[in-house]
Amino acid sequence: MINVPKLACCNFIPDVKQLKQFALDHGFTGVDWSFTLDDFPQSPAEESELVKTISTLHPLETRYHCSFRHVDIGDADEAEARKALNLFGHACLLVSKLQGRYLTIHVGLGRNSTNHLVWEKTVENLAGLVRFANDFGIRICLENLAWGWTSRPHLYEKLVRNTGCWATIDIGHARVSPSIETQHYELEDFVDPHRERFLNAHIYHEENEDCHVPPKNAEDLRPRLQMLRQLPLCDWWVLELRNEEDLLDTLCVVDEFLNSELSYDTCFHGNFLSDSRAVSPS
């Protein structure tokens, strides 16, 4: 099955009315709404205000993303791990109030070492968070990072398989992963063991010192986008750039790719169906 993705932008414009108009003007289907520690609601009143804000984005679809740096459910410090688990649980409850169904999270975001993370605790707590989210109809999606456990395809696969979580593939992180740069693994190794678990993709060329670099042309992204189209449930492509010029440049590249791919699909499948009808027994 080859999917036809929905294209989403980030909540990079503070004024939500302007964000909505920008998305509609440029043909986006939705908004991928990121929470940081600085803007995450801290009171019932702030949560209610966010619910009203998100409702104004209709008819755009909204999915959610927790960009909580240095917050890990597998922290070696038990108090920090419990605090992180409570925060992610709170995020699940908030997404439920927002009538959301998808929440992307990370393991090791903002860290440059896994020395203060415990593998067994990460697996146990992530599995518990997945079960908690399931009770509210929310799918927890683990994103691969540019370093650490989730940057290594074999460990990323174990985390997804052993916790029952879903997955978000970040093709910019994957490109600069040491496992890929050293050619110990190929990009496809991030997705091949569990192709049916990917629900979202983050689209840009590569990450460079926490900066997302846009593609120069369609060829920069083509092999990776072709890989994404083969993932049966990965129909949410977030163009993860946070300034208008880079975002629109990337949109042009993605549109060029999709137009060429869809034209090929129409031609190929149209001819195939035509030929099939011609040889079918009467």
Protein backbone atom coordinates (compact mmCIF):
# COMPACT_ATOMS: atom_id res chain seq x y z
CA MET A 1 0.00 0.00 0.00
CA ILE A 2 1.39 3.44 -0.98
CA ASN A 3 0.10 6.31 1.12
CA VAL A 4 -0.82 9.83 0.05
CA PRO A 5 0.33 12.00 2.97
CA LYS A 6 -1.25 14.93 4.69
CA LEU A 7 1.17 17.85 4.92
CA ALA A 8 1.42 19.73 8.21
CA CYS A 9 3.37 22.73 9.43
CA CYS A 10 4.58 23.43 12.96
CA ASN A 11 2.99 25.99 15.27
CA PHE A 12 5.77 28.43 14.36
CA ILE A 13 3.58 31.54 14.16
CA PRO A 14 2.55 32.76 17.65
CA ASP A 15 -0.71 34.32 16.47
CA VAL A 16 -2.97 31.30 15.90
CA LYS A 17 -5.28 33.12 13.48
CA GLN A 18 -2.27 33.98 11.34
CA LEU A 19 -0.99 30.42 11.66
CA LYS A 20 -4.30 29.02 10.47
CA GLN A 21 -4.48 31.44 7.54
CA PHE A 22 -0.91 30.66 6.55
CA ALA A 23 -1.61 26.91 6.62
CA LEU A 24 -4.78 27.24 4.56
CA ASP A 25 -3.21 29.65 2.08
CA HIS A 26 -0.37 27.24 1.35
CA GLY A 27 -2.38 24.04 1.20
CA PHE A 28 -1.40 22.44 4.49
CA THR A 29 -3.81 19.89 5.91
CA GLY A 30 -2.86 20.30 9.53
CA VAL A 31 -0.69 21.71 12.30
CA ASP A 32 1.79 19.75 14.38
CA TRP A 33 1.59 21.49 17.75
CA SER A 34 4.76 21.32 19.86
CA PHE A 35 4.83 21.80 23.61
CA THR A 36 8.00 22.94 25.37
CA LEU A 37 8.62 23.19 29.09
CA ASP A 38 8.24 26.96 28.78
CA ASP A 39 4.80 26.98 27.17
CA PHE A 40 3.21 23.84 28.60
CA PRO A 41 0.00 24.82 30.49
CA GLN A 42 0.54 25.04 34.25
CA SER A 43 -3.04 25.51 35.47
CA PRO A 44 -6.62 24.52 34.60
CA ALA A 45 -7.21 28.06 33.34
CA GLU A 46 -4.26 27.83 30.95
CA GLU A 47 -5.46 24.42 29.77
CA SER A 48 -8.94 25.80 29.08
CA GLU A 49 -7.44 28.69 27.14
CA LEU A 50 -5.40 26.26 25.04
CA VAL A 51 -8.49 24.17 24.31
CA LYS A 52 -10.18 27.31 22.95
CA THR A 53 -7.09 28.21 20.93
CA ILE A 54 -6.76 24.78 19.31
CA SER A 55 -10.47 24.71 18.47
CA THR A 56 -9.98 27.78 16.27
CA LEU A 57 -7.68 25.79 13.97
CA HIS A 58 -10.61 23.77 12.63
CA PRO A 59 -10.86 22.38 9.92
CA LEU A 60 -7.10 21.78 10.14
CA GLU A 61 -6.16 18.54 11.87
CA THR A 62 -3.87 18.89 14.88
CA ARG A 63 -1.37 16.40 16.24
CA TYR A 64 0.93 16.93 19.21
CA HIS A 65 4.63 16.80 20.01
CA CYS A 66 6.38 17.10 23.39
CA SER A 67 9.72 18.85 23.00
CA PHE A 68 10.75 18.47 26.64
CA ARG A 69 14.52 18.80 26.84
CA HIS A 70 16.38 16.94 29.61
CA VAL A 71 13.15 15.27 30.74
CA ASP A 72 13.45 11.48 30.64
CA ILE A 73 11.29 8.72 32.04
CA GLY A 74 14.43 6.56 32.20
CA ASP A 75 16.49 9.03 34.23
CA ALA A 76 18.92 7.32 36.59
CA ASP A 77 17.66 9.65 39.33
CA GLU A 78 14.44 8.02 40.50
CA ALA A 79 12.84 11.33 41.52
CA GLU A 80 13.62 12.86 38.11
CA ALA A 81 12.26 9.79 36.31
CA ARG A 82 9.03 9.95 38.33
CA LYS A 83 8.69 13.67 37.67
CA ALA A 84 9.17 13.05 33.94
CA LEU A 85 6.60 10.24 33.93
CA ASN A 86 4.09 12.48 35.68
CA LEU A 87 4.73 15.27 33.16
CA PHE A 88 4.21 12.98 30.16
CA GLY A 89 1.09 11.56 31.81
CA HIS A 90 -0.20 15.11 32.24
CA ALA A 91 0.55 15.72 28.56
CA CYS A 92 -1.56 12.69 27.64
CA LEU A 93 -4.46 14.03 29.68
CA LEU A 94 -4.11 17.43 28.02
CA VAL A 95 -4.04 15.93 24.53
CA SER A 96 -7.19 13.99 25.43
CA LYS A 97 -8.90 17.25 26.45
CA LEU A 98 -7.81 18.69 23.09
CA GLN A 99 -9.44 15.68 21.41
CA GLY A 100 -6.08 14.67 20.02
CA ARG A 101 -5.08 11.11 19.19
CA TYR A 102 -1.32 11.28 18.57
CA LEU A 103 1.55 12.41 20.78
CA THR A 104 5.20 12.26 19.73
CA ILE A 105 7.83 12.06 22.48
CA HIS A 106 11.60 11.50 22.78
CA VAL A 107 14.13 9.58 24.82
CA GLY A 108 17.26 11.62 25.54
CA LEU A 109 16.24 14.94 24.01
CA GLY A 110 18.74 17.70 24.80
CA ARG A 111 21.37 15.35 26.21
CA ASN A 112 24.77 14.51 24.76
CA SER A 113 25.27 11.32 26.77
CA THR A 114 23.19 8.36 27.89
CA ASN A 115 25.24 8.02 31.08
CA HIS A 116 22.38 9.32 33.21
CA LEU A 117 19.73 7.14 31.55
CA VAL A 118 18.84 3.56 32.46
CA TRP A 119 17.76 1.28 29.63
CA GLU A 120 15.56 -1.08 31.68
CA LYS A 121 13.81 1.82 33.42
CA THR A 122 13.23 3.55 30.07
CA VAL A 123 11.59 0.44 28.62
CA GLU A 124 9.47 -0.19 31.71
CA ASN A 125 8.26 3.40 32.09
CA LEU A 126 7.67 3.94 28.37
CA ALA A 127 5.57 0.77 28.24
CA GLY A 128 3.57 2.03 31.22
CA LEU A 129 3.06 5.41 29.56
CA VAL A 130 1.86 3.70 26.38
CA ARG A 131 -0.72 1.72 28.36
CA PHE A 132 -1.86 4.86 30.17
CA ALA A 133 -2.23 6.77 26.89
CA ASN A 134 -4.11 3.87 25.30
CA ASP A 135 -6.83 4.27 27.94
CA PHE A 136 -7.48 7.75 26.54
CA GLY A 137 -7.34 6.72 22.88
CA ILE A 138 -3.91 8.32 22.38
CA ARG A 139 -1.07 6.74 20.47
CA ILE A 140 2.38 7.48 21.89
CA CYS A 141 4.90 7.83 19.04
CA LEU A 142 8.63 7.61 19.75
CA GLU A 143 10.79 9.83 17.55
CA ASN A 144 14.33 8.92 16.49
CA LEU A 145 16.97 11.50 17.44
CA ALA A 146 20.30 12.42 15.85
CA TRP A 147 22.26 10.81 18.69
CA GLY A 148 21.78 8.33 21.53
CA TRP A 149 19.74 5.16 21.69
CA THR A 150 17.08 6.18 19.19
CA SER A 151 19.73 7.20 16.64
CA ARG A 152 20.83 3.55 16.46
CA PRO A 153 18.37 1.53 14.38
CA HIS A 154 18.76 -1.71 16.34
CA LEU A 155 18.09 0.02 19.69
CA TYR A 156 15.27 2.12 18.28
CA GLU A 157 13.65 -1.09 17.04
CA LYS A 158 13.96 -2.65 20.49
CA LEU A 159 12.35 0.35 22.17
CA VAL A 160 9.40 0.29 19.79
CA ARG A 161 8.97 -3.48 19.97
CA ASN A 162 9.43 -3.89 23.72
CA THR A 163 7.15 -1.02 24.78
CA GLY A 164 4.32 -1.31 22.25
CA CYS A 165 4.67 2.33 21.25
CA TRP A 166 4.14 3.75 17.79
CA ALA A 167 6.80 5.68 15.90
CA THR A 168 7.64 9.02 14.31
CA ILE A 169 10.49 8.99 11.80
CA ASP A 170 12.58 12.15 11.56
CA ILE A 171 14.44 11.91 8.25
CA GLY A 172 16.75 14.82 9.11
CA HIS A 173 17.85 13.14 12.33
CA ALA A 174 18.24 9.82 10.54
CA ARG A 175 20.51 11.33 7.89
CA VAL A 176 23.07 12.59 10.44
CA SER A 177 22.88 9.58 12.77
CA PRO A 178 26.40 8.23 13.45
CA SER A 179 25.06 4.77 12.58
CA ILE A 180 24.21 6.03 9.09
CA GLU A 181 27.24 8.28 8.59
CA THR A 182 29.59 5.39 9.41
CA GLN A 183 27.56 3.12 7.08
CA HIS A 184 27.01 0.52 9.79
CA TYR A 185 23.33 0.84 8.93
CA GLU A 186 21.25 2.25 6.10
CA LEU A 187 18.34 4.67 6.43
CA GLU A 188 15.85 1.91 5.69
CA ASP A 189 17.03 0.08 8.81
CA PHE A 190 15.15 2.63 10.92
CA VAL A 191 11.82 1.51 9.46
CA ASP A 192 12.16 -1.99 8.03
CA PRO A 193 11.68 -3.97 11.29
CA HIS A 194 8.36 -2.25 12.08
CA ARG A 195 7.05 -0.49 8.98
CA GLU A 196 3.46 -0.72 10.24
CA ARG A 197 4.28 1.25 13.44
CA PHE A 198 5.10 4.59 11.81
CA LEU A 199 2.31 7.16 11.96
CA ASN A 200 4.22 10.45 11.45
CA ALA A 201 7.29 11.80 9.66
CA HIS A 202 9.33 14.96 10.16
CA ILE A 203 10.55 16.36 6.86
CA TYR A 204 13.63 18.53 6.22
CA HIS A 205 17.09 17.80 4.84
CA GLU A 206 19.27 17.42 7.92
CA GLU A 207 19.89 18.71 11.42
CA ASN A 208 23.00 20.84 11.91
CA GLU A 209 23.72 21.94 15.49
CA ASP A 210 20.02 21.96 16.42
CA CYS A 211 19.17 23.84 13.21
CA HIS A 212 16.93 22.18 10.65
CA VAL A 213 18.37 22.67 7.18
CA PRO A 214 15.95 22.74 4.22
CA PRO A 215 16.58 20.71 1.06
CA LYS A 216 18.09 22.46 -1.96
CA ASN A 217 16.10 20.40 -4.43
CA ALA A 218 13.87 17.35 -4.73
CA GLU A 219 16.84 15.01 -5.10
CA ASP A 220 17.97 15.87 -1.56
CA LEU A 221 14.82 14.22 -0.23
CA ARG A 222 13.60 11.86 -2.97
CA PRO A 223 15.00 8.54 -1.67
CA ARG A 224 13.79 9.24 1.84
CA LEU A 225 10.34 10.42 0.73
CA GLN A 226 9.99 7.34 -1.46
CA MET A 227 10.80 5.27 1.62
CA LEU A 228 8.10 7.10 3.60
CA ARG A 229 5.47 6.48 0.96
CA GLN A 230 5.98 2.76 1.45
CA LEU A 231 5.04 2.96 5.13
CA PRO A 232 1.35 1.97 5.21
CA LEU A 233 0.19 4.22 8.08
CA CYS A 234 2.67 7.11 7.85
CA ASP A 235 0.29 9.66 6.36
CA TRP A 236 1.27 12.73 8.45
CA TRP A 237 4.30 14.57 7.07
CA VAL A 238 5.39 17.54 9.18
CA LEU A 239 7.58 20.02 7.31
CA GLU A 240 9.58 20.74 10.43
CA LEU A 241 11.04 24.16 9.71
CA ARG A 242 10.24 27.18 11.81
CA ASN A 243 10.82 30.11 9.52
CA GLU A 244 8.62 30.94 6.58
CA GLU A 245 11.26 31.05 3.84
CA ASP A 246 12.77 27.63 4.64
CA LEU A 247 9.33 26.13 5.16
CA LEU A 248 7.98 27.32 1.82
CA ASP A 249 11.16 26.23 0.02
CA THR A 250 10.70 22.76 1.52
CA LEU A 251 7.02 22.76 0.63
CA CYS A 252 7.93 23.42 -3.02
CA VAL A 253 10.35 20.49 -2.97
CA VAL A 254 7.83 18.13 -1.35
CA ASP A 255 5.05 19.23 -3.72
CA GLU A 256 7.35 18.64 -6.69
CA PHE A 257 8.12 15.15 -5.42
CA LEU A 258 4.49 14.26 -4.70
CA ASN A 259 3.27 15.59 -8.04
CA SER A 260 5.81 13.48 -9.91
CA GLU A 261 5.07 10.40 -7.80
CA LEU A 262 1.30 10.72 -8.05
CA SER A 263 1.52 11.27 -11.81
CA TYR A 264 3.54 8.07 -12.07
CA ASP A 265 1.07 6.19 -9.84
CA THR A 266 -1.87 7.35 -11.96
CA CYS A 267 -0.13 6.40 -15.18
CA PHE A 268 1.13 3.03 -13.96
CA HIS A 269 -2.01 1.90 -12.16
CA GLY A 270 -4.25 3.27 -14.89
CA ASN A 271 -2.38 1.27 -17.52
CA PHE A 272 -2.31 -1.78 -15.28
CA LEU A 273 -6.06 -1.66 -14.72
CA SER A 274 -6.66 -1.06 -18.40
CA ASP A 275 -4.50 -4.05 -19.34
CA SER A 276 -6.17 -6.19 -16.69
CA ARG A 277 -9.61 -5.41 -18.04
CA ALA A 278 -8.41 -6.22 -21.55
CA VAL A 279 -7.33 -9.76 -20.61
CA SER A 280 -10.09 -10.55 -18.12
CA PRO A 281 -12.31 -13.45 -19.17
CA SER A 282 -15.81 -12.45 -20.14
